[in-house]
Amino acid sequence: DEISVLDSVELVDTAPTVATLRVVYSPGIRVVVEESGGVFDQEPYPGQTFVVLLSADETGRWRIASATPEAGETEL
């Protein structure tokens, strides 16, 4: 697999200890390599949009509380 990329991150909503983000993620290109080392096939993965919920703990450290595919999207 080639490198994955976060294409965009959009702040959707905030509160003092929570934030909601819309994240567009491109998982890159899947490359199938033959035993001899030659490239057999390449297939780009389509980008996918996730809704990510961040939560701050009592020390103010932010953590990912959940990441789910946006409505109509499927899991990778």
PDB file of N, CA and C in Angstrom:
ATOM      1  N   ASP A   1       0.841  -1.185   0.000  1.00  0.00           N
ATOM      2  CA  ASP A   1       0.000   0.000   0.000  1.00  0.00           C
ATOM      3  C   ASP A   1       0.878   1.237   0.000  1.00  0.00           C
ATOM      4  N   GLU A   2       0.447   2.236  -0.758  1.00  0.00           N
ATOM      5  CA  GLU A   2       1.148   3.511  -0.745  1.00  0.00           C
ATOM      6  C   GLU A   2       0.635   4.351   0.406  1.00  0.00           C
ATOM      7  N   ILE A   3       1.311   5.439   0.667  1.00  0.00           N
ATOM      8  CA  ILE A   3       1.004   6.281   1.822  1.00  0.00           C
ATOM      9  C   ILE A   3      -0.436   6.799   1.797  1.00  0.00           C
ATOM     10  N   SER A   4      -1.034   6.829   2.940  1.00  0.00           N
ATOM     11  CA  SER A   4      -2.383   7.352   3.111  1.00  0.00           C
ATOM     12  C   SER A   4      -2.312   8.852   3.374  1.00  0.00           C
ATOM     13  N   VAL A   5      -3.400   9.552   3.037  1.00  0.00           N
ATOM     14  CA  VAL A   5      -3.400  11.006   3.141  1.00  0.00           C
ATOM     15  C   VAL A   5      -4.717  11.489   3.753  1.00  0.00           C
ATOM     16  N   LEU A   6      -4.626  12.453   4.654  1.00  0.00           N
ATOM     17  CA  LEU A   6      -5.810  13.189   5.098  1.00  0.00           C
ATOM     18  C   LEU A   6      -5.981  14.336   4.111  1.00  0.00           C
ATOM     19  N   ASP A   7      -7.026  14.274   3.292  1.00  0.00           N
ATOM     20  CA  ASP A   7      -7.243  15.295   2.266  1.00  0.00           C
ATOM     21  C   ASP A   7      -7.772  16.594   2.849  1.00  0.00           C
ATOM     22  N   SER A   8      -8.667  16.473   3.842  1.00  0.00           N
ATOM     23  CA  SER A   8      -9.188  17.681   4.473  1.00  0.00           C
ATOM     24  C   SER A   8      -9.736  17.356   5.857  1.00  0.00           C
ATOM     25  N   VAL A   9      -9.704  18.359   6.709  1.00  0.00           N
ATOM     26  CA  VAL A   9     -10.282  18.272   8.050  1.00  0.00           C
ATOM     27  C   VAL A   9     -11.083  19.552   8.258  1.00  0.00           C
ATOM     28  N   GLU A  10     -12.383  19.375   8.535  1.00  0.00           N
ATOM     29  CA  GLU A  10     -13.276  20.510   8.717  1.00  0.00           C
ATOM     30  C   GLU A  10     -13.870  20.457  10.126  1.00  0.00           C
ATOM     31  N   LEU A  11     -13.784  21.552  10.847  1.00  0.00           N
ATOM     32  CA  LEU A  11     -14.408  21.659  12.167  1.00  0.00           C
ATOM     33  C   LEU A  11     -15.898  21.881  11.969  1.00  0.00           C
ATOM     34  N   VAL A  12     -16.716  20.953  12.481  1.00  0.00           N
ATOM     35  CA  VAL A  12     -18.165  21.013  12.295  1.00  0.00           C
ATOM     36  C   VAL A  12     -18.850  21.666  13.482  1.00  0.00           C
ATOM     37  N   ASP A  13     -18.432  21.291  14.706  1.00  0.00           N
ATOM     38  CA  ASP A  13     -19.084  21.810  15.910  1.00  0.00           C
ATOM     39  C   ASP A  13     -18.111  21.736  17.076  1.00  0.00           C
ATOM     40  N   THR A  14     -18.277  22.637  18.045  1.00  0.00           N
ATOM     41  CA  THR A  14     -17.413  22.611  19.228  1.00  0.00           C
ATOM     42  C   THR A  14     -18.223  22.901  20.481  1.00  0.00           C
ATOM     43  N   ALA A  15     -17.700  22.441  21.583  1.00  0.00           N
ATOM     44  CA  ALA A  15     -18.176  22.735  22.931  1.00  0.00           C
ATOM     45  C   ALA A  15     -16.912  22.745  23.790  1.00  0.00           C
ATOM     46  N   PRO A  16     -16.990  23.129  25.060  1.00  0.00           N
ATOM     47  CA  PRO A  16     -15.764  23.222  25.861  1.00  0.00           C
ATOM     48  C   PRO A  16     -14.918  21.948  25.899  1.00  0.00           C
ATOM     49  N   THR A  17     -15.528  20.765  25.928  1.00  0.00           N
ATOM     50  CA  THR A  17     -14.720  19.544  26.035  1.00  0.00           C
ATOM     51  C   THR A  17     -14.962  18.549  24.908  1.00  0.00           C
ATOM     52  N   VAL A  18     -15.695  18.957  23.871  1.00  0.00           N
ATOM     53  CA  VAL A  18     -15.908  18.071  22.720  1.00  0.00           C
ATOM     54  C   VAL A  18     -15.821  18.875  21.430  1.00  0.00           C
ATOM     55  N   ALA A  19     -15.435  18.188  20.358  1.00  0.00           N
ATOM     56  CA  ALA A  19     -15.395  18.797  19.033  1.00  0.00           C
ATOM     57  C   ALA A  19     -15.740  17.722  18.012  1.00  0.00           C
ATOM     58  N   THR A  20     -16.435  18.125  16.971  1.00  0.00           N
ATOM     59  CA  THR A  20     -16.785  17.223  15.888  1.00  0.00           C
ATOM     60  C   THR A  20     -16.077  17.692  14.624  1.00  0.00           C
ATOM     61  N   LEU A  21     -15.422  16.756  13.959  1.00  0.00           N
ATOM     62  CA  LEU A  21     -14.688  17.045  12.728  1.00  0.00           C
ATOM     63  C   LEU A  21     -15.253  16.205  11.587  1.00  0.00           C
ATOM     64  N   ARG A  22     -15.160  16.720  10.370  1.00  0.00           N
ATOM     65  CA  ARG A  22     -15.425  15.940   9.169  1.00  0.00           C
ATOM     66  C   ARG A  22     -14.071  15.762   8.488  1.00  0.00           C
ATOM     67  N   VAL A  23     -13.641  14.520   8.365  1.00  0.00           N
ATOM     68  CA  VAL A  23     -12.307  14.205   7.857  1.00  0.00           C
ATOM     69  C   VAL A  23     -12.435  13.412   6.555  1.00  0.00           C
ATOM     70  N   VAL A  24     -11.777  13.901   5.494  1.00  0.00           N
ATOM     71  CA  VAL A  24     -11.732  13.169   4.230  1.00  0.00           C
ATOM     72  C   VAL A  24     -10.363  12.507   4.147  1.00  0.00           C
ATOM     73  N   TYR A  25     -10.401  11.189   4.012  1.00  0.00           N
ATOM     74  CA  TYR A  25      -9.206  10.354   4.077  1.00  0.00           C
ATOM     75  C   TYR A  25      -9.061   9.577   2.780  1.00  0.00           C
ATOM     76  N   SER A  26      -7.877   9.609   2.186  1.00  0.00           N
ATOM     77  CA  SER A  26      -7.586   8.793   1.008  1.00  0.00           C
ATOM     78  C   SER A  26      -6.563   7.739   1.415  1.00  0.00           C
ATOM     79  N   PRO A  27      -6.976   6.457   1.385  1.00  0.00           N
ATOM     80  CA  PRO A  27      -6.071   5.408   1.837  1.00  0.00           C
ATOM     81  C   PRO A  27      -4.967   5.063   0.846  1.00  0.00           C
ATOM     82  N   GLY A  28      -4.877   5.761  -0.272  1.00  0.00           N
ATOM     83  CA  GLY A  28      -3.767   5.545  -1.202  1.00  0.00           C
ATOM     84  C   GLY A  28      -4.087   4.548  -2.289  1.00  0.00           C
ATOM     85  N   ILE A  29      -3.062   3.860  -2.736  1.00  0.00           N
ATOM     86  CA  ILE A  29      -3.178   2.912  -3.839  1.00  0.00           C
ATOM     87  C   ILE A  29      -2.729   1.540  -3.368  1.00  0.00           C
ATOM     88  N   ARG A  30      -3.526   0.557  -3.682  1.00  0.00           N
ATOM     89  CA  ARG A  30      -3.173  -0.835  -3.364  1.00  0.00           C
ATOM     90  C   ARG A  30      -2.382  -1.383  -4.545  1.00  0.00           C
ATOM     91  N   VAL A  31      -1.165  -1.851  -4.290  1.00  0.00           N
ATOM     92  CA  VAL A  31      -0.304  -2.396  -5.328  1.00  0.00           C
ATOM     93  C   VAL A  31      -0.089  -3.882  -5.050  1.00  0.00           C
ATOM     94  N   VAL A  32      -0.441  -4.703  -6.030  1.00  0.00           N
ATOM     95  CA  VAL A  32      -0.229  -6.146  -5.911  1.00  0.00           C
ATOM     96  C   VAL A  32       1.065  -6.478  -6.636  1.00  0.00           C
ATOM     97  N   VAL A  33       2.019  -7.082  -5.903  1.00  0.00           N
ATOM     98  CA  VAL A  33       3.335  -7.388  -6.443  1.00  0.00           C
ATOM     99  C   VAL A  33       3.486  -8.898  -6.594  1.00  0.00           C
ATOM    100  N   GLU A  34       3.994  -9.317  -7.754  1.00  0.00           N
ATOM    101  CA  GLU A  34       4.243 -10.732  -8.005  1.00  0.00           C
ATOM    102  C   GLU A  34       5.437 -11.204  -7.175  1.00  0.00           C
ATOM    103  N   GLU A  35       5.564 -12.489  -7.032  1.00  0.00           N
ATOM    104  CA  GLU A  35       6.669 -13.076  -6.274  1.00  0.00           C
ATOM    105  C   GLU A  35       8.022 -12.630  -6.824  1.00  0.00           C
ATOM    106  N   SER A  36       8.101 -12.407  -8.131  1.00  0.00           N
ATOM    107  CA  SER A  36       9.349 -11.979  -8.767  1.00  0.00           C
ATOM    108  C   SER A  36       9.683 -10.518  -8.476  1.00  0.00           C
ATOM    109  N   GLY A  37       8.726  -9.782  -7.902  1.00  0.00           N
ATOM    110  CA  GLY A  37       8.958  -8.379  -7.585  1.00  0.00           C
ATOM    111  C   GLY A  37       8.305  -7.417  -8.556  1.00  0.00           C
ATOM    112  N   GLY A  38       7.740  -7.922  -9.643  1.00  0.00           N
ATOM    113  CA  GLY A  38       7.067  -7.062 -10.613  1.00  0.00           C
ATOM    114  C   GLY A  38       5.673  -6.679 -10.137  1.00  0.00           C
ATOM    115  N   VAL A  39       5.225  -5.519 -10.575  1.00  0.00           N
ATOM    116  CA  VAL A  39       3.883  -5.054 -10.215  1.00  0.00           C
ATOM    117  C   VAL A  39       2.863  -5.804 -11.060  1.00  0.00           C
ATOM    118  N   PHE A  40       1.932  -6.477 -10.404  1.00  0.00           N
ATOM    119  CA  PHE A  40       0.890  -7.251 -11.074  1.00  0.00           C
ATOM    120  C   PHE A  40      -0.340  -6.394 -11.341  1.00  0.00           C
ATOM    121  N   ASP A  41      -0.702  -5.556 -10.376  1.00  0.00           N
ATOM    122  CA  ASP A  41      -1.914  -4.751 -10.498  1.00  0.00           C
ATOM    123  C   ASP A  41      -1.833  -3.566  -9.542  1.00  0.00           C
ATOM    124  N   GLN A  42      -2.506  -2.467  -9.899  1.00  0.00           N
ATOM    125  CA  GLN A  42      -2.633  -1.296  -9.022  1.00  0.00           C
ATOM    126  C   GLN A  42      -4.091  -0.884  -9.010  1.00  0.00           C
ATOM    127  N   GLU A  43      -4.569  -0.534  -7.831  1.00  0.00           N
ATOM    128  CA  GLU A  43      -5.971  -0.151  -7.694  1.00  0.00           C
ATOM    129  C   GLU A  43      -6.078   1.006  -6.715  1.00  0.00           C
ATOM    130  N   PRO A  44      -6.528   2.178  -7.198  1.00  0.00           N
ATOM    131  CA  PRO A  44      -6.679   3.289  -6.250  1.00  0.00           C
ATOM    132  C   PRO A  44      -7.880   3.054  -5.342  1.00  0.00           C
ATOM    133  N   TYR A  45      -7.709   3.386  -4.077  1.00  0.00           N
ATOM    134  CA  TYR A  45      -8.812   3.344  -3.136  1.00  0.00           C
ATOM    135  C   TYR A  45      -9.521   4.688  -3.199  1.00  0.00           C
ATOM    136  N   PRO A  46     -10.840   4.710  -3.233  1.00  0.00           N
ATOM    137  CA  PRO A  46     -11.535   6.003  -3.240  1.00  0.00           C
ATOM    138  C   PRO A  46     -11.416   6.675  -1.871  1.00  0.00           C
ATOM    139  N   GLY A  47     -11.482   8.003  -1.862  1.00  0.00           N
ATOM    140  CA  GLY A  47     -11.488   8.735  -0.598  1.00  0.00           C
ATOM    141  C   GLY A  47     -12.742   8.412   0.190  1.00  0.00           C
ATOM    142  N   GLN A  48     -12.668   8.586   1.482  1.00  0.00           N
ATOM    143  CA  GLN A  48     -13.804   8.298   2.347  1.00  0.00           C
ATOM    144  C   GLN A  48     -13.918   9.404   3.381  1.00  0.00           C
ATOM    145  N   THR A  49     -15.159   9.753   3.741  1.00  0.00           N
ATOM    146  CA  THR A  49     -15.407  10.807   4.713  1.00  0.00           C
ATOM    147  C   THR A  49     -15.841  10.196   6.043  1.00  0.00           C
ATOM    148  N   PHE A  50     -15.201  10.648   7.116  1.00  0.00           N
ATOM    149  CA  PHE A  50     -15.510  10.185   8.466  1.00  0.00           C
ATOM    150  C   PHE A  50     -15.969  11.354   9.321  1.00  0.00           C
ATOM    151  N   VAL A  51     -16.858  11.080  10.256  1.00  0.00           N
ATOM    152  CA  VAL A  51     -17.217  12.042  11.296  1.00  0.00           C
ATOM    153  C   VAL A  51     -16.445  11.611  12.532  1.00  0.00           C
ATOM    154  N   VAL A  52     -15.595  12.504  13.031  1.00  0.00           N
ATOM    155  CA  VAL A  52     -14.707  12.195  14.153  1.00  0.00           C
ATOM    156  C   VAL A  52     -15.105  13.042  15.350  1.00  0.00           C
ATOM    157  N   LEU A  53     -15.307  12.382  16.482  1.00  0.00           N
ATOM    158  CA  LEU A  53     -15.633  13.075  17.725  1.00  0.00           C
ATOM    159  C   LEU A  53     -14.394  13.090  18.608  1.00  0.00           C
ATOM    160  N   LEU A  54     -13.967  14.296  19.010  1.00  0.00           N
ATOM    161  CA  LEU A  54     -12.845  14.461  19.923  1.00  0.00           C
ATOM    162  C   LEU A  54     -13.387  14.837  21.297  1.00  0.00           C
ATOM    163  N   SER A  55     -12.715  14.358  22.338  1.00  0.00           N
ATOM    164  CA  SER A  55     -13.128  14.655  23.705  1.00  0.00           C
ATOM    165  C   SER A  55     -11.899  15.030  24.518  1.00  0.00           C
ATOM    166  N   ALA A  56     -12.020  16.091  25.308  1.00  0.00           N
ATOM    167  CA  ALA A  56     -10.916  16.519  26.170  1.00  0.00           C
ATOM    168  C   ALA A  56     -11.116  15.912  27.556  1.00  0.00           C
ATOM    169  N   ASP A  57     -10.037  15.344  28.120  1.00  0.00           N
ATOM    170  CA  ASP A  57     -10.136  14.793  29.480  1.00  0.00           C
ATOM    171  C   ASP A  57      -9.942  15.911  30.506  1.00  0.00           C
ATOM    172  N   GLU A  58      -9.900  15.543  31.779  1.00  0.00           N
ATOM    173  CA  GLU A  58      -9.805  16.552  32.849  1.00  0.00           C
ATOM    174  C   GLU A  58      -8.503  17.350  32.826  1.00  0.00           C
ATOM    175  N   THR A  59      -7.469  16.844  32.141  1.00  0.00           N
ATOM    176  CA  THR A  59      -6.199  17.581  32.027  1.00  0.00           C
ATOM    177  C   THR A  59      -6.160  18.459  30.783  1.00  0.00           C
ATOM    178  N   GLY A  60      -7.220  18.369  29.935  1.00  0.00           N
ATOM    179  CA  GLY A  60      -7.250  19.158  28.714  1.00  0.00           C
ATOM    180  C   GLY A  60      -6.653  18.453  27.512  1.00  0.00           C
ATOM    181  N   ARG A  61      -6.262  17.205  27.682  1.00  0.00           N
ATOM    182  CA  ARG A  61      -5.695  16.438  26.567  1.00  0.00           C
ATOM    183  C   ARG A  61      -6.826  15.901  25.689  1.00  0.00           C
ATOM    184  N   TRP A  62      -6.744  16.193  24.379  1.00  0.00           N
ATOM    185  CA  TRP A  62      -7.772  15.775  23.434  1.00  0.00           C
ATOM    186  C   TRP A  62      -7.503  14.367  22.933  1.00  0.00           C
ATOM    187  N   ARG A  63      -8.575  13.582  22.847  1.00  0.00           N
ATOM    188  CA  ARG A  63      -8.474  12.201  22.362  1.00  0.00           C
ATOM    189  C   ARG A  63      -9.614  11.929  21.393  1.00  0.00           C
ATOM    190  N   ILE A  64      -9.387  10.987  20.483  1.00  0.00           N
ATOM    191  CA  ILE A  64     -10.445  10.565  19.571  1.00  0.00           C
ATOM    192  C   ILE A  64     -11.407   9.681  20.350  1.00  0.00           C
ATOM    193  N   ALA A  65     -12.666  10.088  20.413  1.00  0.00           N
ATOM    194  CA  ALA A  65     -13.688   9.312  21.110  1.00  0.00           C
ATOM    195  C   ALA A  65     -14.380   8.344  20.151  1.00  0.00           C
ATOM    196  N   SER A  66     -14.553   8.770  18.884  1.00  0.00           N
ATOM    197  CA  SER A  66     -15.138   7.885  17.880  1.00  0.00           C
ATOM    198  C   SER A  66     -14.803   8.411  16.494  1.00  0.00           C
ATOM    199  N   ALA A  67     -14.809   7.501  15.539  1.00  0.00           N
ATOM    200  CA  ALA A  67     -14.620   7.842  14.122  1.00  0.00           C
ATOM    201  C   ALA A  67     -15.510   6.895  13.328  1.00  0.00           C
ATOM    202  N   THR A  68     -16.534   7.454  12.705  1.00  0.00           N
ATOM    203  CA  THR A  68     -17.474   6.625  11.965  1.00  0.00           C
ATOM    204  C   THR A  68     -17.621   7.154  10.544  1.00  0.00           C
ATOM    205  N   PRO A  69     -17.846   6.252   9.586  1.00  0.00           N
ATOM    206  CA  PRO A  69     -18.059   6.726   8.202  1.00  0.00           C
ATOM    207  C   PRO A  69     -19.294   7.637   8.165  1.00  0.00           C
ATOM    208  N   GLU A  70     -19.201   8.690   7.370  1.00  0.00           N
ATOM    209  CA  GLU A  70     -20.324   9.584   7.211  1.00  0.00           C
ATOM    210  C   GLU A  70     -21.494   8.804   6.584  1.00  0.00           C
ATOM    211  N   ALA A  71     -22.711   9.247   6.809  1.00  0.00           N
ATOM    212  CA  ALA A  71     -23.902   8.574   6.276  1.00  0.00           C
ATOM    213  C   ALA A  71     -23.725   8.302   4.784  1.00  0.00           C
ATOM    214  N   GLY A  72     -24.018   7.070   4.383  1.00  0.00           N
ATOM    215  CA  GLY A  72     -23.898   6.682   2.992  1.00  0.00           C
ATOM    216  C   GLY A  72     -22.542   6.114   2.617  1.00  0.00           C
ATOM    217  N   GLU A  73     -21.565   6.215   3.502  1.00  0.00           N
ATOM    218  CA  GLU A  73     -20.224   5.667   3.268  1.00  0.00           C
ATOM    219  C   GLU A  73     -20.142   4.266   3.865  1.00  0.00           C
ATOM    220  N   THR A  74     -19.219   3.471   3.380  1.00  0.00           N
ATOM    221  CA  THR A  74     -19.011   2.138   3.929  1.00  0.00           C
ATOM    222  C   THR A  74     -17.641   2.067   4.574  1.00  0.00           C
ATOM    223  N   GLU A  75     -17.460   1.092   5.457  1.00  0.00           N
ATOM    224  CA  GLU A  75     -16.159   0.899   6.112  1.00  0.00           C
ATOM    225  C   GLU A  75     -15.105   0.536   5.090  1.00  0.00           C
ATOM    226  N   LEU A  76     -13.855   0.928   5.357  1.00  0.00           N
ATOM    227  CA  LEU A  76     -12.739   0.524   4.485  1.00  0.00           C
ATOM    228  C   LEU A  76     -12.454  -0.937   4.635  1.00  0.00           C
TER     229      LEU A  76
END
